[in-house]
C-alpha atoms as a PDB file:
ATOM      1  CA  MET A   1      28.740  64.128  13.695  1.00  0.00           C
ATOM      2  CA  THR A   2      26.094  61.584  15.521  1.00  0.00           C
ATOM      3  CA  PHE A   3      27.151  59.395  18.421  1.00  0.00           C
ATOM      4  CA  CYS A   4      25.163  56.448  19.702  1.00  0.00           C
ATOM      5  CA  GLY A   5      25.225  54.430  22.738  1.00  0.00           C
ATOM      6  CA  VAL A   6      26.587  50.465  22.570  1.00  0.00           C
ATOM      7  CA  GLY A   7      22.984  49.175  22.615  1.00  0.00           C
ATOM      8  CA  ASN A   8      21.447  51.884  20.403  1.00  0.00           C
ATOM      9  CA  CYS A   9      24.053  50.842  17.772  1.00  0.00           C
ATOM     10  CA  GLN A  10      23.675  47.048  18.108  1.00  0.00           C
ATOM     11  CA  THR A  11      20.024  47.703  17.659  1.00  0.00           C
ATOM     12  CA  THR A  12      20.385  49.747  14.846  1.00  0.00           C
ATOM     13  CA  VAL A  13      22.725  47.534  12.846  1.00  0.00           C
ATOM     14  CA  ARG A  14      20.525  44.414  13.857  1.00  0.00           C
ATOM     15  CA  GLY A  15      17.752  46.329  11.995  1.00  0.00           C
ATOM     16  CA  ILE A  16      20.112  46.925   8.764  1.00  0.00           C
ATOM     17  CA  ILE A  17      20.623  43.294   8.982  1.00  0.00           C
ATOM     18  CA  VAL A  18      17.304  41.995   9.396  1.00  0.00           C
ATOM     19  CA  THR A  19      16.208  44.800   6.615  1.00  0.00           C
ATOM     20  CA  GLY A  20      18.690  43.552   4.079  1.00  0.00           C
ATOM     21  CA  VAL A  21      17.744  40.159   4.791  1.00  0.00           C
ATOM     22  CA  SER A  22      14.343  40.704   4.138  1.00  0.00           C
ATOM     23  CA  ARG A  23      14.849  42.213   0.824  1.00  0.00           C
ATOM     24  CA  ILE A  24      16.666  39.105  -0.679  1.00  0.00           C
ATOM     25  CA  PRO A  25      14.241  37.753  -3.048  1.00  0.00           C
ATOM     26  CA  SER A  26      12.938  34.206  -2.225  1.00  0.00           C
ATOM     27  CA  PRO A  27      13.142  31.913  -5.137  1.00  0.00           C
ATOM     28  CA  PRO A  28       9.857  31.619  -7.235  1.00  0.00           C
ATOM     29  CA  ARG A  29       7.588  28.901  -6.492  1.00  0.00           C
ATOM     30  CA  ARG A  30       6.736  26.410  -8.921  1.00  0.00           C
ATOM     31  CA  LEU A  31       3.664  24.531 -10.039  1.00  0.00           C
ATOM     32  CA  ALA A  32       5.082  21.282  -8.556  1.00  0.00           C
ATOM     33  CA  ASP A  33       5.340  23.221  -5.085  1.00  0.00           C
ATOM     34  CA  LEU A  34       1.605  23.243  -4.850  1.00  0.00           C
ATOM     35  CA  SER A  35       0.329  20.247  -6.477  1.00  0.00           C
ATOM     36  CA  GLY A  36      -0.285  16.973  -4.208  1.00  0.00           C
ATOM     37  CA  THR A  37      -1.175  19.311  -1.017  1.00  0.00           C
ATOM     38  CA  SER A  38      -4.646  17.644  -0.547  1.00  0.00           C
ATOM     39  CA  PRO A  39      -4.878  14.308   0.794  1.00  0.00           C
ATOM     40  CA  ASP A  40      -8.584  14.300   0.507  1.00  0.00           C
ATOM     41  CA  ARG A  41      -7.841  13.865  -3.492  1.00  0.00           C
ATOM     42  CA  LEU A  42      -5.298  11.131  -3.057  1.00  0.00           C
ATOM     43  CA  SER A  43      -7.956   9.150  -0.881  1.00  0.00           C
ATOM     44  CA  GLY A  44     -10.592   9.664  -3.118  1.00  0.00           C
ATOM     45  CA  ILE A  45      -8.691   8.162  -6.031  1.00  0.00           C
ATOM     46  CA  SER A  46      -7.518   5.580  -3.749  1.00  0.00           C
ATOM     47  CA  ASP A  47     -10.916   4.311  -2.589  1.00  0.00           C
ATOM     48  CA  GLY A  48     -11.933   4.331  -6.530  1.00  0.00           C
ATOM     49  CA  ILE A  49      -8.857   2.013  -7.714  1.00  0.00           C
ATOM     50  CA  PHE A  50      -9.442  -0.273  -4.941  1.00  0.00           C
ATOM     51  CA  SER A  51     -12.882  -0.889  -5.560  1.00  0.00           C
ATOM     52  CA  VAL A  52     -12.857  -1.406  -9.412  1.00  0.00           C
ATOM     53  CA  GLY A  53      -9.720  -3.787  -8.356  1.00  0.00           C
ATOM     54  CA  MET A  54     -11.861  -5.679  -6.039  1.00  0.00           C
ATOM     55  CA  THR A  55     -14.823  -5.962  -8.489  1.00  0.00           C
ATOM     56  CA  LEU A  56     -12.267  -7.273 -11.403  1.00  0.00           C
ATOM     57  CA  LEU A  57     -11.251 -10.046  -9.350  1.00  0.00           C
ATOM     58  CA  VAL A  58     -14.637 -12.111  -9.848  1.00  0.00           C
ATOM     59  CA  LEU A  59     -13.852 -11.607 -13.853  1.00  0.00           C
ATOM     60  CA  GLY A  60     -10.947 -14.214 -13.463  1.00  0.00           C
ATOM     61  CA  LEU A  61     -13.400 -16.886 -12.228  1.00  0.00           C
ATOM     62  CA  PHE A  62     -14.996 -17.061 -15.587  1.00  0.00           C
ATOM     63  CA  THR A  63     -11.924 -17.400 -18.135  1.00  0.00           C
ATOM     64  CA  THR A  64     -13.559 -20.601 -19.057  1.00  0.00           C
ATOM     65  CA  THR A  65     -17.054 -21.856 -20.258  1.00  0.00           C
ATOM     66  CA  LEU A  66     -18.519 -25.335 -20.563  1.00  0.00           C
ATOM     67  CA  ALA A  67     -18.595 -26.645 -23.948  1.00  0.00           C
ATOM     68  CA  GLY A  68     -21.898 -27.134 -25.788  1.00  0.00           C
ATOM     69  CA  GLY A  69     -25.080 -25.147 -25.580  1.00  0.00           C
ATOM     70  CA  HIS A  70     -26.819 -27.471 -23.214  1.00  0.00           C
ATOM     71  CA  PRO A  71     -24.790 -28.855 -20.420  1.00  0.00           C
ATOM     72  CA  THR A  72     -26.268 -31.533 -18.204  1.00  0.00           C
ATOM     73  CA  GLU A  73     -26.631 -31.171 -14.041  1.00  0.00           C
ATOM     74  CA  SER A  74     -23.322 -33.091 -13.351  1.00  0.00           C
ATOM     75  CA  GLN A  75     -21.221 -31.207 -16.183  1.00  0.00           C
ATOM     76  CA  LEU A  76     -22.240 -28.263 -14.680  1.00  0.00           C
ATOM     77  CA  ALA A  77     -21.580 -29.335 -10.835  1.00  0.00           C
ATOM     78  CA  ASP A  78     -18.012 -30.586 -12.392  1.00  0.00           C
ATOM     79  CA  PHE A  79     -17.526 -27.246 -13.839  1.00  0.00           C
ATOM     80  CA  LEU A  80     -18.049 -25.806 -10.256  1.00  0.00           C
ATOM     81  CA  ARG A  81     -15.877 -27.854  -8.752  1.00  0.00           C
ATOM     82  CA  GLY A  82     -12.947 -27.402 -11.393  1.00  0.00           C
ATOM     83  CA  LEU A  83     -13.542 -23.504 -10.252  1.00  0.00           C
ATOM     84  CA  ALA A  84     -12.501 -23.849  -6.785  1.00  0.00           C
ATOM     85  CA  PRO A  85      -8.828 -23.208  -6.759  1.00  0.00           C
ATOM     86  CA  LYS A  86      -9.849 -19.642  -8.494  1.00  0.00           C
ATOM     87  CA  VAL A  87     -12.513 -19.386  -5.780  1.00  0.00           C
ATOM     88  CA  LEU A  88      -9.800 -19.868  -3.386  1.00  0.00           C
ATOM     89  CA  VAL A  89      -7.231 -17.613  -5.216  1.00  0.00           C
ATOM     90  CA  TYR A  90     -10.250 -14.701  -5.640  1.00  0.00           C
ATOM     91  CA  THR A  91     -10.945 -14.797  -1.978  1.00  0.00           C
ATOM     92  CA  MET A  92      -7.011 -14.823  -1.202  1.00  0.00           C
ATOM     93  CA  SER A  93      -6.680 -11.403  -2.984  1.00  0.00           C
ATOM     94  CA  PHE A  94     -10.225  -9.694  -2.042  1.00  0.00           C
ATOM     95  CA  MET A  95      -8.620 -10.375   1.340  1.00  0.00           C
ATOM     96  CA  THR A  96      -5.093  -8.938   0.126  1.00  0.00           C
ATOM     97  CA  LEU A  97      -6.775  -5.931  -1.280  1.00  0.00           C
ATOM     98  CA  GLY A  98      -8.796  -5.233   1.806  1.00  0.00           C
ATOM     99  CA  ILE A  99      -5.754  -5.475   3.940  1.00  0.00           C
ATOM    100  CA  PHE A 100      -3.569  -2.962   1.818  1.00  0.00           C
ATOM    101  CA  TRP A 101      -6.591  -0.515   1.555  1.00  0.00           C
ATOM    102  CA  LEU A 102      -6.734  -0.356   5.399  1.00  0.00           C
ATOM    103  CA  GLY A 103      -3.241   0.079   5.640  1.00  0.00           C
ATOM    104  CA  GLN A 104      -2.854   2.807   3.259  1.00  0.00           C
ATOM    105  CA  GLY A 105      -6.170   4.415   4.673  1.00  0.00           C
ATOM    106  CA  THR A 106      -4.293   4.278   8.335  1.00  0.00           C
ATOM    107  CA  GLN A 107      -1.543   6.229   6.492  1.00  0.00           C
ATOM    108  CA  LEU A 108      -3.503   8.796   5.164  1.00  0.00           C
ATOM    109  CA  GLY A 109      -5.872   9.195   8.029  1.00  0.00           C
ATOM    110  CA  HIS A 110      -2.949  10.313  10.339  1.00  0.00           C
ATOM    111  CA  LEU A 111      -1.521  12.881   7.518  1.00  0.00           C
ATOM    112  CA  ALA A 112      -1.315  16.596   8.820  1.00  0.00           C
ATOM    113  CA  ARG A 113      -0.733  17.762   5.248  1.00  0.00           C
ATOM    114  CA  SER A 114       0.399  16.334   1.840  1.00  0.00           C
ATOM    115  CA  ASN A 115       2.986  17.024  -0.891  1.00  0.00           C
ATOM    116  CA  ARG A 116       3.694  16.075  -4.588  1.00  0.00           C
ATOM    117  CA  ASN A 117       6.370  13.507  -3.749  1.00  0.00           C
ATOM    118  CA  PHE A 118       4.280  11.670  -1.091  1.00  0.00           C
ATOM    119  CA  VAL A 119       1.352  11.384  -3.619  1.00  0.00           C
ATOM    120  CA  TRP A 120       3.598  10.229  -6.409  1.00  0.00           C
ATOM    121  CA  ILE A 121       4.574   7.301  -3.927  1.00  0.00           C
ATOM    122  CA  HIS A 122       1.250   6.181  -3.528  1.00  0.00           C
ATOM    123  CA  LEU A 123       0.456   6.492  -7.141  1.00  0.00           C
ATOM    124  CA  VAL A 124       3.015   3.949  -7.596  1.00  0.00           C
ATOM    125  CA  PHE A 125       1.198   1.984  -4.842  1.00  0.00           C
ATOM    126  CA  LEU A 126      -1.984   2.248  -6.778  1.00  0.00           C
ATOM    127  CA  PHE A 127      -0.168   0.999  -9.715  1.00  0.00           C
ATOM    128  CA  PHE A 128       0.630  -2.277  -8.131  1.00  0.00           C
ATOM    129  CA  VAL A 129      -3.039  -2.457  -6.774  1.00  0.00           C
ATOM    130  CA  THR A 130      -4.174  -2.371 -10.422  1.00  0.00           C
ATOM    131  CA  MET A 131      -1.902  -5.514 -11.047  1.00  0.00           C
ATOM    132  CA  VAL A 132      -3.510  -7.683  -8.707  1.00  0.00           C
ATOM    133  CA  PRO A 133      -6.374  -8.537 -10.899  1.00  0.00           C
ATOM    134  CA  PHE A 134      -3.791  -9.783 -13.169  1.00  0.00           C
ATOM    135  CA  SER A 135      -1.852 -11.441 -10.716  1.00  0.00           C
ATOM    136  CA  THR A 136      -5.039 -13.239  -9.141  1.00  0.00           C
ATOM    137  CA  LEU A 137      -6.162 -14.314 -12.945  1.00  0.00           C
ATOM    138  CA  LEU A 138      -2.580 -16.037 -13.454  1.00  0.00           C
ATOM    139  CA  LEU A 139      -2.418 -17.977 -10.312  1.00  0.00           C
ATOM    140  CA  GLY A 140      -5.850 -19.112 -10.381  1.00  0.00           C
ATOM    141  CA  SER A 141      -5.307 -20.364 -13.647  1.00  0.00           C
ATOM    142  CA  TYR A 142      -2.171 -21.776 -13.084  1.00  0.00           C
ATOM    143  CA  TYR A 143      -1.924 -22.356  -9.324  1.00  0.00           C
ATOM    144  CA  TRP A 144       0.181 -25.701  -9.032  1.00  0.00           C
ATOM    145  CA  LEU A 145       3.114 -23.810 -11.068  1.00  0.00           C
ATOM    146  CA  LYS A 146       5.657 -21.873  -9.058  1.00  0.00           C
ATOM    147  CA  VAL A 147       6.083 -19.048 -11.633  1.00  0.00           C
ATOM    148  CA  ALA A 148       2.764 -18.121 -11.095  1.00  0.00           C
ATOM    149  CA  LEU A 149       3.008 -18.455  -7.343  1.00  0.00           C
ATOM    150  CA  VAL A 150       6.272 -16.371  -7.531  1.00  0.00           C
ATOM    151  CA  GLU A 151       4.422 -13.317  -9.598  1.00  0.00           C
ATOM    152  CA  TYR A 152       1.704 -13.293  -7.125  1.00  0.00           C
ATOM    153  CA  TRP A 153       4.152 -13.113  -4.178  1.00  0.00           C
ATOM    154  CA  LEU A 154       6.015 -10.507  -5.962  1.00  0.00           C
ATOM    155  CA  ASN A 155       3.017  -8.220  -6.201  1.00  0.00           C
ATOM    156  CA  ILE A 156       2.401  -8.193  -2.770  1.00  0.00           C
ATOM    157  CA  LEU A 157       6.189  -7.671  -1.834  1.00  0.00           C
ATOM    158  CA  LEU A 158       5.566  -4.456  -4.183  1.00  0.00           C
ATOM    159  CA  LEU A 159       2.318  -3.285  -2.752  1.00  0.00           C
ATOM    160  CA  GLY A 160       4.003  -3.359   0.866  1.00  0.00           C
ATOM    161  CA  ALA A 161       7.338  -1.822  -0.523  1.00  0.00           C
ATOM    162  CA  ALA A 162       5.351   1.196  -1.889  1.00  0.00           C
ATOM    163  CA  LEU A 163       3.442   1.819   1.184  1.00  0.00           C
ATOM    164  CA  PHE A 164       6.501   1.201   3.545  1.00  0.00           C
ATOM    165  CA  ALA A 165       8.184   3.969   1.165  1.00  0.00           C
ATOM    166  CA  GLY A 166       5.311   6.221   1.712  1.00  0.00           C
ATOM    167  CA  LEU A 167       5.476   5.743   5.277  1.00  0.00           C
ATOM    168  CA  GLU A 168       9.153   6.397   5.415  1.00  0.00           C
ATOM    169  CA  TYR A 169       8.924   9.672   3.376  1.00  0.00           C
ATOM    170  CA  GLY A 170       5.721  11.010   5.372  1.00  0.00           C
ATOM    171  CA  LEU A 171       7.935  10.570   8.568  1.00  0.00           C
ATOM    172  CA  ARG A 172      10.952  12.424   7.244  1.00  0.00           C
ATOM    173  CA  ALA A 173       8.955  15.095   5.856  1.00  0.00           C
ATOM    174  CA  GLY A 174       7.066  15.461   8.698  1.00  0.00           C
ATOM    175  CA  LEU A 175       3.610  14.818   6.857  1.00  0.00           C
ATOM    176  CA  PHE A 176       2.064  13.469   9.629  1.00  0.00           C
ATOM    177  CA  ARG A 177       0.165  14.526  12.914  1.00  0.00           C
ATOM    178  CA  GLU A 178       2.589  15.146  15.628  1.00  0.00           C
ATOM    179  CA  GLU A 179       0.431  13.720  18.085  1.00  0.00           C
ATOM    180  CA  SER A 180       0.444   9.945  16.275  1.00  0.00           C
ATOM    181  CA  ARG A 181       3.583  10.086  14.293  1.00  0.00           C
ATOM    182  CA  HIS A 182       5.434   8.161  17.157  1.00  0.00           C
ATOM    183  CA  ASP A 183       2.646   5.323  16.907  1.00  0.00           C
ATOM    184  CA  ILE A 184       2.639   5.600  13.014  1.00  0.00           C
ATOM    185  CA  ALA A 185       6.217   4.968  12.646  1.00  0.00           C
ATOM    186  CA  TYR A 186       6.483   2.277  15.361  1.00  0.00           C
ATOM    187  CA  LEU A 187       3.123   0.027  14.787  1.00  0.00           C
ATOM    188  CA  MET A 188       3.341   0.522  10.964  1.00  0.00           C
ATOM    189  CA  ARG A 189       6.317  -0.094  10.294  1.00  0.00           C
ATOM    190  CA  GLY A 190       6.307  -3.339  12.712  1.00  0.00           C
ATOM    191  CA  ARG A 191       3.152  -4.361  10.503  1.00  0.00           C
ATOM    192  CA  ILE A 192       4.433  -4.008   7.159  1.00  0.00           C
ATOM    193  CA  LEU A 193       7.836  -5.595   8.304  1.00  0.00           C
ATOM    194  CA  ILE A 194       6.689  -8.793   9.984  1.00  0.00           C
ATOM    195  CA  ALA A 195       3.612  -9.200   7.375  1.00  0.00           C
ATOM    196  CA  GLN A 196       6.296  -9.296   4.206  1.00  0.00           C
ATOM    197  CA  SER A 197       8.603 -11.765   6.261  1.00  0.00           C
ATOM    198  CA  LEU A 198       5.654 -13.803   6.635  1.00  0.00           C
ATOM    199  CA  TYR A 199       4.455 -13.526   2.820  1.00  0.00           C
ATOM    200  CA  GLY A 200       8.302 -14.383   1.692  1.00  0.00           C
ATOM    201  CA  ALA A 201       8.725 -17.477   3.887  1.00  0.00           C
ATOM    202  CA  ALA A 202       5.255 -18.683   2.789  1.00  0.00           C
ATOM    203  CA  ALA A 203       6.572 -18.073  -1.005  1.00  0.00           C
ATOM    204  CA  LEU A 204       9.977 -19.759  -0.247  1.00  0.00           C
ATOM    205  CA  LEU A 205       8.302 -23.033   1.139  1.00  0.00           C
ATOM    206  CA  SER A 206       7.106 -23.611  -2.654  1.00  0.00           C
ATOM    207  CA  VAL A 207      10.804 -24.742  -3.511  1.00  0.00           C
ATOM    208  CA  ILE A 208      10.060 -27.716  -1.292  1.00  0.00           C
ATOM    209  CA  PHE A 209       6.553 -28.490  -0.928  1.00  0.00           C
ATOM    210  CA  PRO A 210       3.635 -28.148  -3.773  1.00  0.00           C
ATOM    211  CA  THR A 211       2.679 -24.517  -4.427  1.00  0.00           C
ATOM    212  CA  TRP A 212      -0.853 -25.254  -2.445  1.00  0.00           C
ATOM    213  CA  VAL A 213       0.804 -25.363   0.963  1.00  0.00           C
ATOM    214  CA  SER A 214       2.366 -21.974   0.017  1.00  0.00           C
ATOM    215  CA  ILE A 215      -1.006 -20.692  -0.668  1.00  0.00           C
ATOM    216  CA  ALA A 216      -2.585 -21.754   2.196  1.00  0.00           C
ATOM    217  CA  LEU A 217      -0.269 -20.375   4.361  1.00  0.00           C
ATOM    218  CA  ILE A 218      -0.646 -17.068   2.509  1.00  0.00           C
ATOM    219  CA  VAL A 219      -4.627 -17.164   3.481  1.00  0.00           C
ATOM    220  CA  LEU A 220      -3.593 -17.896   6.959  1.00  0.00           C
ATOM    221  CA  ILE A 221      -1.380 -15.264   7.270  1.00  0.00           C
ATOM    222  CA  GLN A 222      -4.045 -12.727   5.781  1.00  0.00           C
ATOM    223  CA  LEU A 223      -6.577 -14.557   8.040  1.00  0.00           C
ATOM    224  CA  ASN A 224      -4.574 -13.330  11.066  1.00  0.00           C
ATOM    225  CA  TYR A 225      -4.709  -9.604   9.671  1.00  0.00           C
ATOM    226  CA  VAL A 226      -8.106  -9.626   8.925  1.00  0.00           C
ATOM    227  CA  LEU A 227      -9.360 -11.326  12.193  1.00  0.00           C
ATOM    228  CA  ALA A 228      -6.543  -9.704  14.089  1.00  0.00           C
ATOM    229  CA  PRO A 229      -6.581 -12.382  17.048  1.00  0.00           C
ATOM    230  CA  ARG A 230      -4.189 -11.734  19.954  1.00  0.00           C
ATOM    231  CA  ILE A 231      -1.474 -13.840  19.053  1.00  0.00           C
ATOM    232  CA  PRO A 232       1.876 -12.946  20.958  1.00  0.00           C
ATOM    233  CA  ILE A 233       4.368 -10.755  18.422  1.00  0.00           C
ATOM    234  CA  LEU A 234       2.049 -10.392  16.044  1.00  0.00           C
ATOM    235  CA  ASN A 235      -0.572  -8.690  18.320  1.00  0.00           C
ATOM    236  CA  ARG A 236       1.654  -5.709  19.199  1.00  0.00           C
ATOM    237  CA  PHE A 237       1.470  -4.238  15.599  1.00  0.00           C
END
């Protein structure tokens, strides 16, 4: 018969428990657990889609051409003046994509790691990026119609919602670097929520005023985020 002291018995029992736990088979890993772990690949496809989307915007400027094979100087000048609304919407959309490209780049630039779910959230975001050329063409062609304006605003809303979803998921999953997690949470949340509120208010004004008022306000909102002037409240984010 073997006797042991209290301390020795406790150590022996603890060792047996640890050994038993270590022998419990861990669940097999799936390919889904290994995919989407490279932030660099997500950044690469994002840059590619943004660059293509920005390039496709210009195609919406020339959906109509001059009638006849030999237009006069005055006809060409009238044609160019008629393009002014489309040029304004094109410029607005270019700024839209630039702002969201910077926003997504800021989010991706502070990642410590990535996973499959985070990547798919951003792929949904990129899907809405590919819709911007269509929204631009629609609003540029029918800028006086509220439906075209609302569709354009919905595109901006979906872009912001997807970017916000990526932020919230990344924070809960601990994907961001520890040293920048607090700043990312505070600053990006504030930026997205305030910007989307301003865009929504601008679109809502089309119920009362002509659509060009809403378009002008959206452009001003975008210029604020492009130039980043020191405006109270807005400058906090």
